[in-house]
Amino acid sequence: MSLVVRNLQRAVPLRRARLREKVQAVTATHGLCHLLGFTHSTEAEWQKMYQKEKQVLEELSKHTGTRLQPLSRDLF
């Protein structure tokens, strides 16, 4: 038996500095919500945390000109 793995994706250039900034703005917001007592163990808790993350990231998006989404967007 033989196995062939092919990567059929085309190369997409990424600017690491901009990616790092976005990830930090997201990882920081999510972590801050946890420090403020928000959790996402149940769907109800997730809804509250998601809304808070979304609110903060929407405000940051206005200042940075990017579209930032909560880390836990598709959790439930």
PDB file of N, CA and C in Angstrom:
ATOM      1  N   MET A   1       0.852  -1.176   0.000  1.00  0.00           N
ATOM      2  CA  MET A   1       0.000   0.000   0.000  1.00  0.00           C
ATOM      3  C   MET A   1       0.892   1.231   0.000  1.00  0.00           C
ATOM      4  N   SER A   2       0.530   2.220  -0.786  1.00  0.00           N
ATOM      5  CA  SER A   2       1.288   3.468  -0.805  1.00  0.00           C
ATOM      6  C   SER A   2       0.349   4.624  -0.499  1.00  0.00           C
ATOM      7  N   LEU A   3       0.914   5.685  -0.034  1.00  0.00           N
ATOM      8  CA  LEU A   3       0.137   6.867   0.345  1.00  0.00           C
ATOM      9  C   LEU A   3       0.779   8.077  -0.313  1.00  0.00           C
ATOM     10  N   VAL A   4      -0.027   8.848  -0.976  1.00  0.00           N
ATOM     11  CA  VAL A   4       0.459  10.064  -1.612  1.00  0.00           C
ATOM     12  C   VAL A   4      -0.289  11.241  -0.997  1.00  0.00           C
ATOM     13  N   VAL A   5       0.456  12.209  -0.530  1.00  0.00           N
ATOM     14  CA  VAL A   5      -0.131  13.423   0.043  1.00  0.00           C
ATOM     15  C   VAL A   5       0.245  14.582  -0.865  1.00  0.00           C
ATOM     16  N   ARG A   6      -0.746  15.299  -1.315  1.00  0.00           N
ATOM     17  CA  ARG A   6      -0.502  16.444  -2.190  1.00  0.00           C
ATOM     18  C   ARG A   6      -1.100  17.696  -1.564  1.00  0.00           C
ATOM     19  N   ASN A   7      -0.381  18.749  -1.648  1.00  0.00           N
ATOM     20  CA  ASN A   7      -0.892  20.039  -1.204  1.00  0.00           C
ATOM     21  C   ASN A   7      -1.313  20.815  -2.442  1.00  0.00           C
ATOM     22  N   LEU A   8      -2.603  20.902  -2.657  1.00  0.00           N
ATOM     23  CA  LEU A   8      -3.115  21.549  -3.856  1.00  0.00           C
ATOM     24  C   LEU A   8      -3.460  23.023  -3.629  1.00  0.00           C
ATOM     25  N   GLN A   9      -3.113  23.535  -2.484  1.00  0.00           N
ATOM     26  CA  GLN A   9      -3.383  24.934  -2.185  1.00  0.00           C
ATOM     27  C   GLN A   9      -2.370  25.823  -2.896  1.00  0.00           C
ATOM     28  N   ARG A  10      -2.820  26.970  -3.268  1.00  0.00           N
ATOM     29  CA  ARG A  10      -1.870  27.905  -3.846  1.00  0.00           C
ATOM     30  C   ARG A  10      -1.249  28.718  -2.712  1.00  0.00           C
ATOM     31  N   ALA A  11      -0.084  29.186  -2.928  1.00  0.00           N
ATOM     32  CA  ALA A  11       0.620  29.961  -1.911  1.00  0.00           C
ATOM     33  C   ALA A  11      -0.061  31.310  -1.729  1.00  0.00           C
ATOM     34  N   VAL A  12      -0.259  31.672  -0.494  1.00  0.00           N
ATOM     35  CA  VAL A  12      -0.855  32.961  -0.165  1.00  0.00           C
ATOM     36  C   VAL A  12       0.144  33.710   0.700  1.00  0.00           C
ATOM     37  N   PRO A  13       0.649  34.837   0.223  1.00  0.00           N
ATOM     38  CA  PRO A  13       1.630  35.573   1.012  1.00  0.00           C
ATOM     39  C   PRO A  13       0.978  36.199   2.245  1.00  0.00           C
ATOM     40  N   LEU A  14       1.640  36.122   3.353  1.00  0.00           N
ATOM     41  CA  LEU A  14       1.158  36.703   4.596  1.00  0.00           C
ATOM     42  C   LEU A  14       2.191  37.675   5.134  1.00  0.00           C
ATOM     43  N   ARG A  15       1.711  38.753   5.638  1.00  0.00           N
ATOM     44  CA  ARG A  15       2.605  39.678   6.321  1.00  0.00           C
ATOM     45  C   ARG A  15       2.557  39.325   7.793  1.00  0.00           C
ATOM     46  N   ARG A  16       3.637  38.753   8.261  1.00  0.00           N
ATOM     47  CA  ARG A  16       3.650  38.219   9.622  1.00  0.00           C
ATOM     48  C   ARG A  16       3.403  39.289  10.678  1.00  0.00           C
ATOM     49  N   ALA A  17       3.925  40.470  10.483  1.00  0.00           N
ATOM     50  CA  ALA A  17       3.746  41.523  11.484  1.00  0.00           C
ATOM     51  C   ALA A  17       2.265  41.879  11.638  1.00  0.00           C
ATOM     52  N   ARG A  18       1.559  42.039  10.520  1.00  0.00           N
ATOM     53  CA  ARG A  18       0.127  42.367  10.592  1.00  0.00           C
ATOM     54  C   ARG A  18      -0.678  41.208  11.175  1.00  0.00           C
ATOM     55  N   LEU A  19      -0.329  39.992  10.801  1.00  0.00           N
ATOM     56  CA  LEU A  19      -1.008  38.823  11.348  1.00  0.00           C
ATOM     57  C   LEU A  19      -0.795  38.751  12.852  1.00  0.00           C
ATOM     58  N   ARG A  20       0.439  38.972  13.281  1.00  0.00           N
ATOM     59  CA  ARG A  20       0.756  38.945  14.705  1.00  0.00           C
ATOM     60  C   ARG A  20      -0.062  39.991  15.464  1.00  0.00           C
ATOM     61  N   GLU A  21      -0.190  41.181  14.915  1.00  0.00           N
ATOM     62  CA  GLU A  21      -0.969  42.238  15.562  1.00  0.00           C
ATOM     63  C   GLU A  21      -2.432  41.817  15.733  1.00  0.00           C
ATOM     64  N   LYS A  22      -2.985  41.225  14.690  1.00  0.00           N
ATOM     65  CA  LYS A  22      -4.391  40.803  14.756  1.00  0.00           C
ATOM     66  C   LYS A  22      -4.590  39.687  15.776  1.00  0.00           C
ATOM     67  N   VAL A  23      -3.684  38.726  15.755  1.00  0.00           N
ATOM     68  CA  VAL A  23      -3.787  37.610  16.696  1.00  0.00           C
ATOM     69  C   VAL A  23      -3.667  38.132  18.129  1.00  0.00           C
ATOM     70  N   GLN A  24      -2.747  39.028  18.368  1.00  0.00           N
ATOM     71  CA  GLN A  24      -2.582  39.582  19.704  1.00  0.00           C
ATOM     72  C   GLN A  24      -3.822  40.357  20.146  1.00  0.00           C
ATOM     73  N   ALA A  25      -4.430  41.086  19.267  1.00  0.00           N
ATOM     74  CA  ALA A  25      -5.622  41.859  19.606  1.00  0.00           C
ATOM     75  C   ALA A  25      -6.808  40.970  19.919  1.00  0.00           C
ATOM     76  N   VAL A  26      -6.860  39.798  19.178  1.00  0.00           N
ATOM     77  CA  VAL A  26      -7.975  38.892  19.415  1.00  0.00           C
ATOM     78  C   VAL A  26      -7.935  38.313  20.758  1.00  0.00           C
ATOM     79  N   THR A  27      -5.978  37.146  20.941  1.00  0.00           N
ATOM     80  CA  THR A  27      -5.635  36.369  22.105  1.00  0.00           C
ATOM     81  C   THR A  27      -5.820  37.158  23.388  1.00  0.00           C
ATOM     82  N   ALA A  28      -5.499  38.702  23.331  1.00  0.00           N
ATOM     83  CA  ALA A  28      -5.567  39.605  24.502  1.00  0.00           C
ATOM     84  C   ALA A  28      -7.017  39.802  24.931  1.00  0.00           C
ATOM     85  N   THR A  29      -7.929  40.066  23.925  1.00  0.00           N
ATOM     86  CA  THR A  29      -9.344  40.294  24.236  1.00  0.00           C
ATOM     87  C   THR A  29      -9.969  39.058  24.868  1.00  0.00           C
ATOM     88  N   HIS A  30      -9.697  37.905  24.299  1.00  0.00           N
ATOM     89  CA  HIS A  30     -10.248  36.660  24.847  1.00  0.00           C
ATOM     90  C   HIS A  30      -9.734  36.430  26.276  1.00  0.00           C
ATOM     91  N   GLY A  31      -8.452  36.595  26.457  1.00  0.00           N
ATOM     92  CA  GLY A  31      -7.862  36.410  27.788  1.00  0.00           C
ATOM     93  C   GLY A  31      -8.387  37.415  28.793  1.00  0.00           C
ATOM     94  N   LEU A  32      -8.561  38.656  28.366  1.00  0.00           N
ATOM     95  CA  LEU A  32      -9.090  39.687  29.256  1.00  0.00           C
ATOM     96  C   LEU A  32     -10.507  39.340  29.707  1.00  0.00           C
ATOM     97  N   CYS A  33     -11.298  38.819  28.783  1.00  0.00           N
ATOM     98  CA  CYS A  33     -12.657  38.404  29.163  1.00  0.00           C
ATOM     99  C   CYS A  33     -12.610  37.324  30.240  1.00  0.00           C
ATOM    100  N   HIS A  34     -11.687  36.388  30.100  1.00  0.00           N
ATOM    101  CA  HIS A  34     -11.543  35.358  31.132  1.00  0.00           C
ATOM    102  C   HIS A  34     -11.128  35.978  32.460  1.00  0.00           C
ATOM    103  N   LEU A  35     -10.201  36.918  32.423  1.00  0.00           N
ATOM    104  CA  LEU A  35      -9.763  37.573  33.655  1.00  0.00           C
ATOM    105  C   LEU A  35     -10.896  38.358  34.316  1.00  0.00           C
ATOM    106  N   LEU A  36     -11.837  38.820  33.514  1.00  0.00           N
ATOM    107  CA  LEU A  36     -12.991  39.545  34.047  1.00  0.00           C
ATOM    108  C   LEU A  36     -14.094  38.613  34.529  1.00  0.00           C
ATOM    109  N   GLY A  37     -13.868  37.301  34.393  1.00  0.00           N
ATOM    110  CA  GLY A  37     -14.821  36.335  34.927  1.00  0.00           C
ATOM    111  C   GLY A  37     -15.719  35.661  33.908  1.00  0.00           C
ATOM    112  N   PHE A  38     -15.586  36.003  32.648  1.00  0.00           N
ATOM    113  CA  PHE A  38     -16.393  35.360  31.617  1.00  0.00           C
ATOM    114  C   PHE A  38     -15.831  33.967  31.325  1.00  0.00           C
ATOM    115  N   THR A  39     -16.732  33.041  31.015  1.00  0.00           N
ATOM    116  CA  THR A  39     -16.330  31.685  30.636  1.00  0.00           C
ATOM    117  C   THR A  39     -17.159  31.255  29.439  1.00  0.00           C
ATOM    118  N   HIS A  40     -16.845  30.083  28.912  1.00  0.00           N
ATOM    119  CA  HIS A  40     -17.625  29.559  27.792  1.00  0.00           C
ATOM    120  C   HIS A  40     -17.854  28.064  27.959  1.00  0.00           C
ATOM    121  N   SER A  41     -18.177  27.675  29.200  1.00  0.00           N
ATOM    122  CA  SER A  41     -18.428  26.266  29.492  1.00  0.00           C
ATOM    123  C   SER A  41     -19.812  25.812  29.047  1.00  0.00           C
ATOM    124  N   THR A  42     -20.761  26.712  29.100  1.00  0.00           N
ATOM    125  CA  THR A  42     -22.116  26.401  28.644  1.00  0.00           C
ATOM    126  C   THR A  42     -22.488  27.389  27.543  1.00  0.00           C
ATOM    127  N   GLU A  43     -23.543  27.091  26.840  1.00  0.00           N
ATOM    128  CA  GLU A  43     -23.946  27.985  25.760  1.00  0.00           C
ATOM    129  C   GLU A  43     -24.365  29.361  26.279  1.00  0.00           C
ATOM    130  N   ALA A  44     -25.026  29.394  27.429  1.00  0.00           N
ATOM    131  CA  ALA A  44     -25.450  30.676  27.998  1.00  0.00           C
ATOM    132  C   ALA A  44     -24.240  31.521  28.400  1.00  0.00           C
ATOM    133  N   GLU A  45     -23.239  30.888  29.025  1.00  0.00           N
ATOM    134  CA  GLU A  45     -22.024  31.601  29.404  1.00  0.00           C
ATOM    135  C   GLU A  45     -21.261  32.056  28.167  1.00  0.00           C
ATOM    136  N   TRP A  46     -21.232  31.196  27.150  1.00  0.00           N
ATOM    137  CA  TRP A  46     -20.556  31.530  25.909  1.00  0.00           C
ATOM    138  C   TRP A  46     -21.194  32.754  25.250  1.00  0.00           C
ATOM    139  N   GLN A  47     -22.526  32.802  25.254  1.00  0.00           N
ATOM    140  CA  GLN A  47     -23.231  33.944  24.651  1.00  0.00           C
ATOM    141  C   GLN A  47     -22.788  35.267  25.285  1.00  0.00           C
ATOM    142  N   LYS A  48     -22.694  35.271  26.615  1.00  0.00           N
ATOM    143  CA  LYS A  48     -22.287  36.491  27.314  1.00  0.00           C
ATOM    144  C   LYS A  48     -20.854  36.870  26.962  1.00  0.00           C
ATOM    145  N   MET A  49     -19.971  35.877  26.979  1.00  0.00           N
ATOM    146  CA  MET A  49     -18.573  36.144  26.674  1.00  0.00           C
ATOM    147  C   MET A  49     -18.407  36.552  25.215  1.00  0.00           C
ATOM    148  N   TYR A  50     -19.106  35.879  24.331  1.00  0.00           N
ATOM    149  CA  TYR A  50     -19.026  36.191  22.904  1.00  0.00           C
ATOM    150  C   TYR A  50     -19.450  37.638  22.640  1.00  0.00           C
ATOM    151  N   GLN A  51     -20.538  38.057  23.256  1.00  0.00           N
ATOM    152  CA  GLN A  51     -21.028  39.423  23.059  1.00  0.00           C
ATOM    153  C   GLN A  51     -20.013  40.454  23.558  1.00  0.00           C
ATOM    154  N   LYS A  52     -19.377  40.173  24.690  1.00  0.00           N
ATOM    155  CA  LYS A  52     -18.380  41.092  25.228  1.00  0.00           C
ATOM    156  C   LYS A  52     -17.153  41.142  24.321  1.00  0.00           C
ATOM    157  N   GLU A  53     -16.682  39.977  23.878  1.00  0.00           N
ATOM    158  CA  GLU A  53     -15.546  39.932  22.946  1.00  0.00           C
ATOM    159  C   GLU A  53     -15.875  40.705  21.673  1.00  0.00           C
ATOM    160  N   LYS A  54     -17.049  40.471  21.151  1.00  0.00           N
ATOM    161  CA  LYS A  54     -17.480  41.122  19.917  1.00  0.00           C
ATOM    162  C   LYS A  54     -17.515  42.640  20.090  1.00  0.00           C
ATOM    163  N   GLN A  55     -18.025  43.095  21.206  1.00  0.00           N
ATOM    164  CA  GLN A  55     -18.105  44.523  21.487  1.00  0.00           C
ATOM    165  C   GLN A  55     -16.713  45.158  21.516  1.00  0.00           C
ATOM    166  N   VAL A  56     -15.791  44.540  22.225  1.00  0.00           N
ATOM    167  CA  VAL A  56     -14.432  45.068  22.334  1.00  0.00           C
ATOM    168  C   VAL A  56     -13.732  45.037  20.974  1.00  0.00           C
ATOM    169  N   LEU A  57     -13.857  43.922  20.260  1.00  0.00           N
ATOM    170  CA  LEU A  57     -13.176  43.786  18.975  1.00  0.00           C
ATOM    171  C   LEU A  57     -13.767  44.713  17.907  1.00  0.00           C
ATOM    172  N   GLU A  58     -15.057  44.996  17.973  1.00  0.00           N
ATOM    173  CA  GLU A  58     -15.648  45.951  17.033  1.00  0.00           C
ATOM    174  C   GLU A  58     -15.064  47.345  17.258  1.00  0.00           C
ATOM    175  N   GLU A  59     -14.868  47.693  18.517  1.00  0.00           N
ATOM    176  CA  GLU A  59     -14.267  48.994  18.823  1.00  0.00           C
ATOM    177  C   GLU A  59     -12.809  49.049  18.359  1.00  0.00           C
ATOM    178  N   LEU A  60     -12.077  47.972  18.600  1.00  0.00           N
ATOM    179  CA  LEU A  60     -10.694  47.916  18.126  1.00  0.00           C
ATOM    180  C   LEU A  60     -10.633  47.954  16.605  1.00  0.00           C
ATOM    181  N   SER A  61     -11.576  47.311  15.954  1.00  0.00           N
ATOM    182  CA  SER A  61     -11.607  47.293  14.493  1.00  0.00           C
ATOM    183  C   SER A  61     -11.771  48.694  13.927  1.00  0.00           C
ATOM    184  N   LYS A  62     -12.556  49.520  14.588  1.00  0.00           N
ATOM    185  CA  LYS A  62     -12.738  50.901  14.135  1.00  0.00           C
ATOM    186  C   LYS A  62     -11.407  51.654  14.133  1.00  0.00           C
ATOM    187  N   HIS A  63     -10.591  51.380  15.129  1.00  0.00           N
ATOM    188  CA  HIS A  63      -9.326  52.099  15.270  1.00  0.00           C
ATOM    189  C   HIS A  63      -8.212  51.523  14.408  1.00  0.00           C
ATOM    190  N   THR A  64      -8.303  50.252  14.081  1.00  0.00           N
ATOM    191  CA  THR A  64      -7.230  49.617  13.321  1.00  0.00           C
ATOM    192  C   THR A  64      -7.572  49.440  11.841  1.00  0.00           C
ATOM    193  N   GLY A  65      -8.844  49.607  11.493  1.00  0.00           N
ATOM    194  CA  GLY A  65      -9.250  49.440  10.102  1.00  0.00           C
ATOM    195  C   GLY A  65      -9.289  47.986   9.662  1.00  0.00           C
ATOM    196  N   THR A  66      -9.362  47.069  10.602  1.00  0.00           N
ATOM    197  CA  THR A  66      -9.431  45.648  10.266  1.00  0.00           C
ATOM    198  C   THR A  66     -10.749  45.080  10.755  1.00  0.00           C
ATOM    199  N   ARG A  67     -11.013  43.852  10.398  1.00  0.00           N
ATOM    200  CA  ARG A  67     -12.238  43.165  10.831  1.00  0.00           C
ATOM    201  C   ARG A  67     -11.844  42.030  11.753  1.00  0.00           C
ATOM    202  N   LEU A  68     -11.931  42.273  13.046  1.00  0.00           N
ATOM    203  CA  LEU A  68     -11.536  41.278  14.040  1.00  0.00           C
ATOM    204  C   LEU A  68     -12.773  40.546  14.547  1.00  0.00           C
ATOM    205  N   GLN A  69     -12.667  39.241  14.691  1.00  0.00           N
ATOM    206  CA  GLN A  69     -13.778  38.394  15.149  1.00  0.00           C
ATOM    207  C   GLN A  69     -13.388  37.714  16.452  1.00  0.00           C
ATOM    208  N   PRO A  70     -14.351  37.478  17.340  1.00  0.00           N
ATOM    209  CA  PRO A  70     -14.052  36.775  18.585  1.00  0.00           C
ATOM    210  C   PRO A  70     -13.452  35.403  18.367  1.00  0.00           C
ATOM    211  N   LEU A  71     -12.546  35.032  19.247  1.00  0.00           N
ATOM    212  CA  LEU A  71     -11.879  33.746  19.161  1.00  0.00           C
ATOM    213  C   LEU A  71     -12.873  32.597  19.305  1.00  0.00           C
ATOM    214  N   SER A  72     -13.875  32.773  20.121  1.00  0.00           N
ATOM    215  CA  SER A  72     -14.844  31.698  20.379  1.00  0.00           C
ATOM    216  C   SER A  72     -16.066  31.794  19.478  1.00  0.00           C
ATOM    217  N   ARG A  73     -15.908  32.360  18.283  1.00  0.00           N
ATOM    218  CA  ARG A  73     -17.034  32.614  17.382  1.00  0.00           C
ATOM    219  C   ARG A  73     -17.895  31.393  17.092  1.00  0.00           C
ATOM    220  N   ASP A  74     -17.305  30.269  16.794  1.00  0.00           N
ATOM    221  CA  ASP A  74     -18.077  29.094  16.407  1.00  0.00           C
ATOM    222  C   ASP A  74     -18.053  28.004  17.466  1.00  0.00           C
ATOM    223  N   LEU A  75     -17.991  28.390  18.707  1.00  0.00           N
ATOM    224  CA  LEU A  75     -17.867  27.403  19.778  1.00  0.00           C
ATOM    225  C   LEU A  75     -19.137  26.581  19.959  1.00  0.00           C
ATOM    226  N   PHE A  76     -20.300  27.220  19.919  1.00  0.00           N
ATOM    227  CA  PHE A  76     -21.557  26.494  20.094  1.00  0.00           C
ATOM    228  C   PHE A  76     -22.402  26.599  18.848  1.00  0.00           C
TER     229      PHE A  76
END
